[in-house]
PDB file of N, CA and C in Angstrom:
ATOM      1  N   MET A   1      59.542  73.724  75.520  1.00  0.00           N
ATOM      2  CA  MET A   1      58.564  73.833  76.446  1.00  0.00           C
ATOM      3  C   MET A   1      58.828  73.957  77.635  1.00  0.00           C
ATOM      4  N   PRO A   2      58.601  75.542  78.154  1.00  0.00           N
ATOM      5  CA  PRO A   2      58.438  75.506  79.762  1.00  0.00           C
ATOM      6  C   PRO A   2      58.003  74.381  80.572  1.00  0.00           C
ATOM      7  N   VAL A   3      58.998  74.121  81.768  1.00  0.00           N
ATOM      8  CA  VAL A   3      58.209  73.508  82.600  1.00  0.00           C
ATOM      9  C   VAL A   3      57.038  74.406  83.365  1.00  0.00           C
ATOM     10  N   TRP A   4      55.853  73.762  83.608  1.00  0.00           N
ATOM     11  CA  TRP A   4      54.967  74.692  84.021  1.00  0.00           C
ATOM     12  C   TRP A   4      54.436  74.653  85.452  1.00  0.00           C
ATOM     13  N   THR A   5      54.463  75.307  86.148  1.00  0.00           N
ATOM     14  CA  THR A   5      53.983  75.203  87.714  1.00  0.00           C
ATOM     15  C   THR A   5      52.387  76.190  88.270  1.00  0.00           C
ATOM     16  N   VAL A   6      51.905  75.181  88.776  1.00  0.00           N
ATOM     17  CA  VAL A   6      50.624  76.139  89.386  1.00  0.00           C
ATOM     18  C   VAL A   6      50.746  76.051  91.047  1.00  0.00           C
ATOM     19  N   TYR A   7      50.905  76.926  91.422  1.00  0.00           N
ATOM     20  CA  TYR A   7      50.783  76.823  93.119  1.00  0.00           C
ATOM     21  C   TYR A   7      49.307  76.897  93.214  1.00  0.00           C
ATOM     22  N   SER A   8      48.879  76.226  94.278  1.00  0.00           N
ATOM     23  CA  SER A   8      47.715  76.600  94.152  1.00  0.00           C
ATOM     24  C   SER A   8      46.957  76.261  96.008  1.00  0.00           C
ATOM     25  N   ARG A   9      45.891  75.827  96.152  1.00  0.00           N
ATOM     26  CA  ARG A   9      45.328  75.686  97.187  1.00  0.00           C
ATOM     27  C   ARG A   9      44.437  74.602  97.219  1.00  0.00           C
ATOM     28  N   ALA A  10      43.930  73.581  98.427  1.00  0.00           N
ATOM     29  CA  ALA A  10      43.013  72.755  98.116  1.00  0.00           C
ATOM     30  C   ALA A  10      41.417  73.518  98.073  1.00  0.00           C
ATOM     31  N   ASP A  11      40.446  73.054  97.133  1.00  0.00           N
ATOM     32  CA  ASP A  11      39.350  73.721  97.452  1.00  0.00           C
ATOM     33  C   ASP A  11      39.472  75.296  96.861  1.00  0.00           C
ATOM     34  N   CYS A  12      40.098  75.341  95.555  1.00  0.00           N
ATOM     35  CA  CYS A  12      40.123  76.861  94.893  1.00  0.00           C
ATOM     36  C   CYS A  12      39.473  76.641  93.755  1.00  0.00           C
ATOM     37  N   SER A  13      38.018  77.347  93.737  1.00  0.00           N
ATOM     38  CA  SER A  13      37.884  77.549  92.308  1.00  0.00           C
ATOM     39  C   SER A  13      38.659  78.048  90.962  1.00  0.00           C
ATOM     40  N   LEU A  14      39.732  79.169  91.617  1.00  0.00           N
ATOM     41  CA  LEU A  14      39.862  79.786  90.988  1.00  0.00           C
ATOM     42  C   LEU A  14      41.136  79.021  90.118  1.00  0.00           C
ATOM     43  N   CYS A  15      42.056  78.374  91.046  1.00  0.00           N
ATOM     44  CA  CYS A  15      42.744  77.038  90.602  1.00  0.00           C
ATOM     45  C   CYS A  15      42.527  76.125  89.673  1.00  0.00           C
ATOM     46  N   GLU A  16      41.306  75.519  90.018  1.00  0.00           N
ATOM     47  CA  GLU A  16      40.556  74.731  89.269  1.00  0.00           C
ATOM     48  C   GLU A  16      40.371  74.845  88.095  1.00  0.00           C
ATOM     49  N   ARG A  17      39.841  76.800  88.226  1.00  0.00           N
ATOM     50  CA  ARG A  17      39.549  77.154  86.298  1.00  0.00           C
ATOM     51  C   ARG A  17      40.913  77.348  85.942  1.00  0.00           C
ATOM     52  N   LEU A  18      41.961  77.586  86.499  1.00  0.00           N
ATOM     53  CA  LEU A  18      43.102  78.669  85.641  1.00  0.00           C
ATOM     54  C   LEU A  18      43.589  77.003  85.100  1.00  0.00           C
ATOM     55  N   LEU A  19      44.096  75.782  85.922  1.00  0.00           N
ATOM     56  CA  LEU A  19      44.060  74.323  85.444  1.00  0.00           C
ATOM     57  C   LEU A  19      43.512  73.722  84.096  1.00  0.00           C
ATOM     58  N   GLU A  20      41.911  74.051  84.301  1.00  0.00           N
ATOM     59  CA  GLU A  20      41.240  73.652  83.115  1.00  0.00           C
ATOM     60  C   GLU A  20      41.485  74.211  81.879  1.00  0.00           C
ATOM     61  N   GLU A  21      41.481  75.869  81.994  1.00  0.00           N
ATOM     62  CA  GLU A  21      41.834  76.373  80.933  1.00  0.00           C
ATOM     63  C   GLU A  21      43.985  76.468  79.942  1.00  0.00           C
ATOM     64  N   LEU A  22      44.419  75.943  81.446  1.00  0.00           N
ATOM     65  CA  LEU A  22      45.682  76.260  80.561  1.00  0.00           C
ATOM     66  C   LEU A  22      45.619  74.679  80.196  1.00  0.00           C
ATOM     67  N   ALA A  23      44.941  73.653  80.813  1.00  0.00           N
ATOM     68  CA  ALA A  23      45.228  72.078  79.778  1.00  0.00           C
ATOM     69  C   ALA A  23      44.211  72.714  78.346  1.00  0.00           C
ATOM     70  N   ASP A  24      43.345  73.020  78.394  1.00  0.00           N
ATOM     71  CA  ASP A  24      42.791  73.480  76.996  1.00  0.00           C
ATOM     72  C   ASP A  24      43.742  74.304  76.042  1.00  0.00           C
ATOM     73  N   LEU A  25      45.066  74.821  76.558  1.00  0.00           N
ATOM     74  CA  LEU A  25      45.177  75.951  75.676  1.00  0.00           C
ATOM     75  C   LEU A  25      46.707  74.765  75.271  1.00  0.00           C
ATOM     76  N   LEU A  26      47.005  74.090  76.579  1.00  0.00           N
ATOM     77  CA  LEU A  26      48.447  73.115  76.669  1.00  0.00           C
ATOM     78  C   LEU A  26      48.269  71.899  74.989  1.00  0.00           C
ATOM     79  N   GLY A  27      47.060  71.489  75.658  1.00  0.00           N
ATOM     80  CA  GLY A  27      46.598  70.363  75.059  1.00  0.00           C
ATOM     81  C   GLY A  27      47.238  69.038  75.967  1.00  0.00           C
ATOM     82  N   PRO A  28      46.536  68.053  75.446  1.00  0.00           N
ATOM     83  CA  PRO A  28      46.247  67.214  76.638  1.00  0.00           C
ATOM     84  C   PRO A  28      47.770  66.437  77.351  1.00  0.00           C
ATOM     85  N   ALA A  29      48.726  66.359  76.435  1.00  0.00           N
ATOM     86  CA  ALA A  29      49.772  65.583  76.469  1.00  0.00           C
ATOM     87  C   ALA A  29      50.518  66.805  77.267  1.00  0.00           C
ATOM     88  N   ALA A  30      50.920  68.158  77.010  1.00  0.00           N
ATOM     89  CA  ALA A  30      51.699  68.956  77.972  1.00  0.00           C
ATOM     90  C   ALA A  30      50.847  69.000  79.323  1.00  0.00           C
ATOM     91  N   ALA A  31      49.494  69.311  78.900  1.00  0.00           N
ATOM     92  CA  ALA A  31      49.167  69.333  80.194  1.00  0.00           C
ATOM     93  C   ALA A  31      48.730  68.044  81.527  1.00  0.00           C
ATOM     94  N   ALA A  32      49.377  67.404  80.720  1.00  0.00           N
ATOM     95  CA  ALA A  32      49.830  66.212  81.879  1.00  0.00           C
ATOM     96  C   ALA A  32      51.047  66.427  82.801  1.00  0.00           C
ATOM     97  N   ASP A  33      51.798  67.358  82.092  1.00  0.00           N
ATOM     98  CA  ASP A  33      53.336  67.622  82.670  1.00  0.00           C
ATOM     99  C   ASP A  33      53.295  68.594  83.467  1.00  0.00           C
ATOM    100  N   VAL A  34      51.736  69.649  83.825  1.00  0.00           N
ATOM    101  CA  VAL A  34      52.136  70.789  84.695  1.00  0.00           C
ATOM    102  C   VAL A  34      52.175  70.378  85.923  1.00  0.00           C
ATOM    103  N   GLN A  35      52.975  71.050  86.319  1.00  0.00           N
ATOM    104  CA  GLN A  35      53.080  70.153  88.160  1.00  0.00           C
ATOM    105  C   GLN A  35      52.142  71.414  89.007  1.00  0.00           C
ATOM    106  N   VAL A  36      51.485  70.617  89.901  1.00  0.00           N
ATOM    107  CA  VAL A  36      50.653  71.041  90.761  1.00  0.00           C
ATOM    108  C   VAL A  36      50.889  71.301  91.582  1.00  0.00           C
ATOM    109  N   VAL A  37      51.334  72.826  92.918  1.00  0.00           N
ATOM    110  CA  VAL A  37      52.093  72.722  93.828  1.00  0.00           C
ATOM    111  C   VAL A  37      50.942  73.245  95.305  1.00  0.00           C
ATOM    112  N   ASP A  38      50.641  72.522  96.280  1.00  0.00           N
ATOM    113  CA  ASP A  38      49.686  73.205  97.067  1.00  0.00           C
ATOM    114  C   ASP A  38      50.631  73.556  98.169  1.00  0.00           C
ATOM    115  N   ILE A  39      50.414  75.024  98.560  1.00  0.00           N
ATOM    116  CA  ILE A  39      51.098  75.605  99.268  1.00  0.00           C
ATOM    117  C   ILE A  39      50.822  75.640 100.661  1.00  0.00           C
ATOM    118  N   ALA A  40      49.294  75.142 100.667  1.00  0.00           N
ATOM    119  CA  ALA A  40      48.876  74.638 102.285  1.00  0.00           C
ATOM    120  C   ALA A  40      50.240  73.916 102.839  1.00  0.00           C
ATOM    121  N   GLY A  41      50.465  74.245 104.293  1.00  0.00           N
ATOM    122  CA  GLY A  41      51.380  74.244 105.385  1.00  0.00           C
ATOM    123  C   GLY A  41      52.787  73.721 104.483  1.00  0.00           C
ATOM    124  N   GLN A  42      53.376  74.764 103.780  1.00  0.00           N
ATOM    125  CA  GLN A  42      54.362  74.929 103.493  1.00  0.00           C
ATOM    126  C   GLN A  42      54.699  76.642 103.569  1.00  0.00           C
ATOM    127  N   ALA A  43      55.756  76.811 104.953  1.00  0.00           N
ATOM    128  CA  ALA A  43      55.923  78.049 105.623  1.00  0.00           C
ATOM    129  C   ALA A  43      55.988  79.263 103.880  1.00  0.00           C
ATOM    130  N   GLU A  44      57.407  78.458 103.680  1.00  0.00           N
ATOM    131  CA  GLU A  44      57.629  79.335 102.742  1.00  0.00           C
ATOM    132  C   GLU A  44      56.783  80.089 101.522  1.00  0.00           C
ATOM    133  N   LEU A  45      56.296  78.944 100.455  1.00  0.00           N
ATOM    134  CA  LEU A  45      55.239  79.184  99.597  1.00  0.00           C
ATOM    135  C   LEU A  45      53.705  80.635 100.140  1.00  0.00           C
ATOM    136  N   GLU A  46      53.380  79.745 101.605  1.00  0.00           N
ATOM    137  CA  GLU A  46      52.602  80.883 102.135  1.00  0.00           C
ATOM    138  C   GLU A  46      52.892  81.443 102.470  1.00  0.00           C
ATOM    139  N   ARG A  47      54.098  82.310 102.750  1.00  0.00           N
ATOM    140  CA  ARG A  47      54.520  83.730 102.882  1.00  0.00           C
ATOM    141  C   ARG A  47      54.385  84.376 101.497  1.00  0.00           C
ATOM    142  N   ARG A  48      55.138  83.337 101.050  1.00  0.00           N
ATOM    143  CA  ARG A  48      55.283  83.886  99.184  1.00  0.00           C
ATOM    144  C   ARG A  48      54.185  83.975  98.579  1.00  0.00           C
ATOM    145  N   TYR A  49      53.595  83.579  98.519  1.00  0.00           N
ATOM    146  CA  TYR A  49      51.511  83.772  97.854  1.00  0.00           C
ATOM    147  C   TYR A  49      50.740  83.746  99.012  1.00  0.00           C
ATOM    148  N   GLY A  50      50.117  83.237  99.857  1.00  0.00           N
ATOM    149  CA  GLY A  50      49.288  83.935 100.711  1.00  0.00           C
ATOM    150  C   GLY A  50      48.215  83.691  99.998  1.00  0.00           C
ATOM    151  N   ALA A  51      47.493  84.611 100.191  1.00  0.00           N
ATOM    152  CA  ALA A  51      45.880  84.430  99.649  1.00  0.00           C
ATOM    153  C   ALA A  51      45.550  84.841  98.185  1.00  0.00           C
ATOM    154  N   ARG A  52      47.203  84.947  97.315  1.00  0.00           N
ATOM    155  CA  ARG A  52      47.402  85.565  96.069  1.00  0.00           C
ATOM    156  C   ARG A  52      47.734  83.889  94.795  1.00  0.00           C
ATOM    157  N   ILE A  53      46.392  82.904  94.485  1.00  0.00           N
ATOM    158  CA  ILE A  53      46.468  82.521  94.372  1.00  0.00           C
ATOM    159  C   ILE A  53      45.479  81.992  93.675  1.00  0.00           C
ATOM    160  N   PRO A  54      45.968  81.466  92.254  1.00  0.00           N
ATOM    161  CA  PRO A  54      46.727  80.477  91.665  1.00  0.00           C
ATOM    162  C   PRO A  54      47.790  81.395  91.329  1.00  0.00           C
ATOM    163  N   VAL A  55      48.929  80.752  90.814  1.00  0.00           N
ATOM    164  CA  VAL A  55      50.264  81.453  90.725  1.00  0.00           C
ATOM    165  C   VAL A  55      50.381  80.798  89.952  1.00  0.00           C
ATOM    166  N   LEU A  56      50.962  81.111  88.383  1.00  0.00           N
ATOM    167  CA  LEU A  56      51.422  79.989  87.300  1.00  0.00           C
ATOM    168  C   LEU A  56      53.332  80.995  87.084  1.00  0.00           C
ATOM    169  N   THR A  57      53.268  80.103  87.028  1.00  0.00           N
ATOM    170  CA  THR A  57      54.849  79.933  86.220  1.00  0.00           C
ATOM    171  C   THR A  57      55.564  78.972  85.477  1.00  0.00           C
ATOM    172  N   ALA A  58      56.662  79.732  84.562  1.00  0.00           N
ATOM    173  CA  ALA A  58      56.598  79.092  83.846  1.00  0.00           C
ATOM    174  C   ALA A  58      58.385  78.796  83.874  1.00  0.00           C
ATOM    175  N   ASP A  59      59.348  77.689  84.207  1.00  0.00           N
ATOM    176  CA  ASP A  59      60.346  77.875  84.242  1.00  0.00           C
ATOM    177  C   ASP A  59      60.896  78.305  85.273  1.00  0.00           C
ATOM    178  N   GLY A  60      60.083  78.898  86.179  1.00  0.00           N
ATOM    179  CA  GLY A  60      60.177  79.475  87.846  1.00  0.00           C
ATOM    180  C   GLY A  60      59.719  80.771  87.520  1.00  0.00           C
ATOM    181  N   GLU A  61      59.629  81.174  86.051  1.00  0.00           N
ATOM    182  CA  GLU A  61      59.499  82.589  86.103  1.00  0.00           C
ATOM    183  C   GLU A  61      58.100  82.976  86.051  1.00  0.00           C
ATOM    184  N   PHE A  62      57.808  83.834  87.097  1.00  0.00           N
ATOM    185  CA  PHE A  62      56.059  84.487  87.146  1.00  0.00           C
ATOM    186  C   PHE A  62      55.787  84.328  85.627  1.00  0.00           C
ATOM    187  N   VAL A  63      54.501  84.125  85.825  1.00  0.00           N
ATOM    188  CA  VAL A  63      53.700  83.991  83.881  1.00  0.00           C
ATOM    189  C   VAL A  63      52.058  85.119  84.515  1.00  0.00           C
ATOM    190  N   CYS A  64      51.425  84.585  85.328  1.00  0.00           N
ATOM    191  CA  CYS A  64      50.214  85.226  86.085  1.00  0.00           C
ATOM    192  C   CYS A  64      49.796  85.012  87.139  1.00  0.00           C
ATOM    193  N   VAL A  65      48.545  85.407  87.806  1.00  0.00           N
ATOM    194  CA  VAL A  65      47.873  85.365  88.987  1.00  0.00           C
ATOM    195  C   VAL A  65      46.691  85.422  88.768  1.00  0.00           C
ATOM    196  N   TYR A  66      45.810  84.261  89.592  1.00  0.00           N
ATOM    197  CA  TYR A  66      44.155  84.624  89.554  1.00  0.00           C
ATOM    198  C   TYR A  66      43.604  84.161  88.445  1.00  0.00           C
ATOM    199  N   ARG A  67      43.983  84.334  87.084  1.00  0.00           N
ATOM    200  CA  ARG A  67      43.669  84.323  85.951  1.00  0.00           C
ATOM    201  C   ARG A  67      43.919  83.909  84.991  1.00  0.00           C
ATOM    202  N   LEU A  68      44.180  82.923  84.014  1.00  0.00           N
ATOM    203  CA  LEU A  68      44.719  82.556  82.772  1.00  0.00           C
ATOM    204  C   LEU A  68      45.397  83.570  82.040  1.00  0.00           C
ATOM    205  N   ASP A  69      46.384  83.619  81.369  1.00  0.00           N
ATOM    206  CA  ASP A  69      46.914  84.985  80.719  1.00  0.00           C
ATOM    207  C   ASP A  69      47.103  84.295  80.136  1.00  0.00           C
ATOM    208  N   THR A  70      46.058  84.055  78.928  1.00  0.00           N
ATOM    209  CA  THR A  70      46.279  83.245  77.309  1.00  0.00           C
ATOM    210  C   THR A  70      47.500  83.931  76.431  1.00  0.00           C
ATOM    211  N   GLU A  71      47.379  85.112  76.216  1.00  0.00           N
ATOM    212  CA  GLU A  71      48.788  85.674  75.525  1.00  0.00           C
ATOM    213  C   GLU A  71      49.916  85.805  75.853  1.00  0.00           C
ATOM    214  N   ARG A  72      50.363  85.288  77.196  1.00  0.00           N
ATOM    215  CA  ARG A  72      51.354  84.939  77.637  1.00  0.00           C
ATOM    216  C   ARG A  72      52.034  83.593  78.028  1.00  0.00           C
ATOM    217  N   VAL A  73      50.662  83.019  77.739  1.00  0.00           N
ATOM    218  CA  VAL A  73      50.806  81.843  77.885  1.00  0.00           C
ATOM    219  C   VAL A  73      51.463  81.091  76.313  1.00  0.00           C
ATOM    220  N   ARG A  74      50.422  81.995  75.481  1.00  0.00           N
ATOM    221  CA  ARG A  74      50.964  81.337  73.976  1.00  0.00           C
ATOM    222  C   ARG A  74      52.499  82.362  73.498  1.00  0.00           C
ATOM    223  N   ALA A  75      52.805  83.093  73.771  1.00  0.00           N
ATOM    224  CA  ALA A  75      54.178  83.957  73.674  1.00  0.00           C
ATOM    225  C   ALA A  75      55.025  83.100  74.573  1.00  0.00           C
ATOM    226  N   LEU A  76      55.014  81.969  75.200  1.00  0.00           N
ATOM    227  CA  LEU A  76      56.205  81.170  75.957  1.00  0.00           C
ATOM    228  C   LEU A  76      56.234  79.840  75.413  1.00  0.00           C
ATOM    229  N   LEU A  77      55.033  79.396  74.367  1.00  0.00           N
ATOM    230  CA  LEU A  77      54.749  78.505  73.591  1.00  0.00           C
ATOM    231  C   LEU A  77      55.945  78.200  72.492  1.00  0.00           C
TER     232      LEU A  77
END
């Protein structure tokens, strides 16, 4: 199972939605291991992602941005 990371920001409704959909897809045990990184106040991450959040990565590799790409996630499971 890949290490899933969601780059997000506080009060981001798109981020919350992506996390909910990802949890539904992965199941409760795997969803508990998803790393959520708040980019606010982290200069390098803000420069890299800016307003382009949420971003989902698997083992550090880009998976999708804004909305969950369920087909891509399933292919990585």
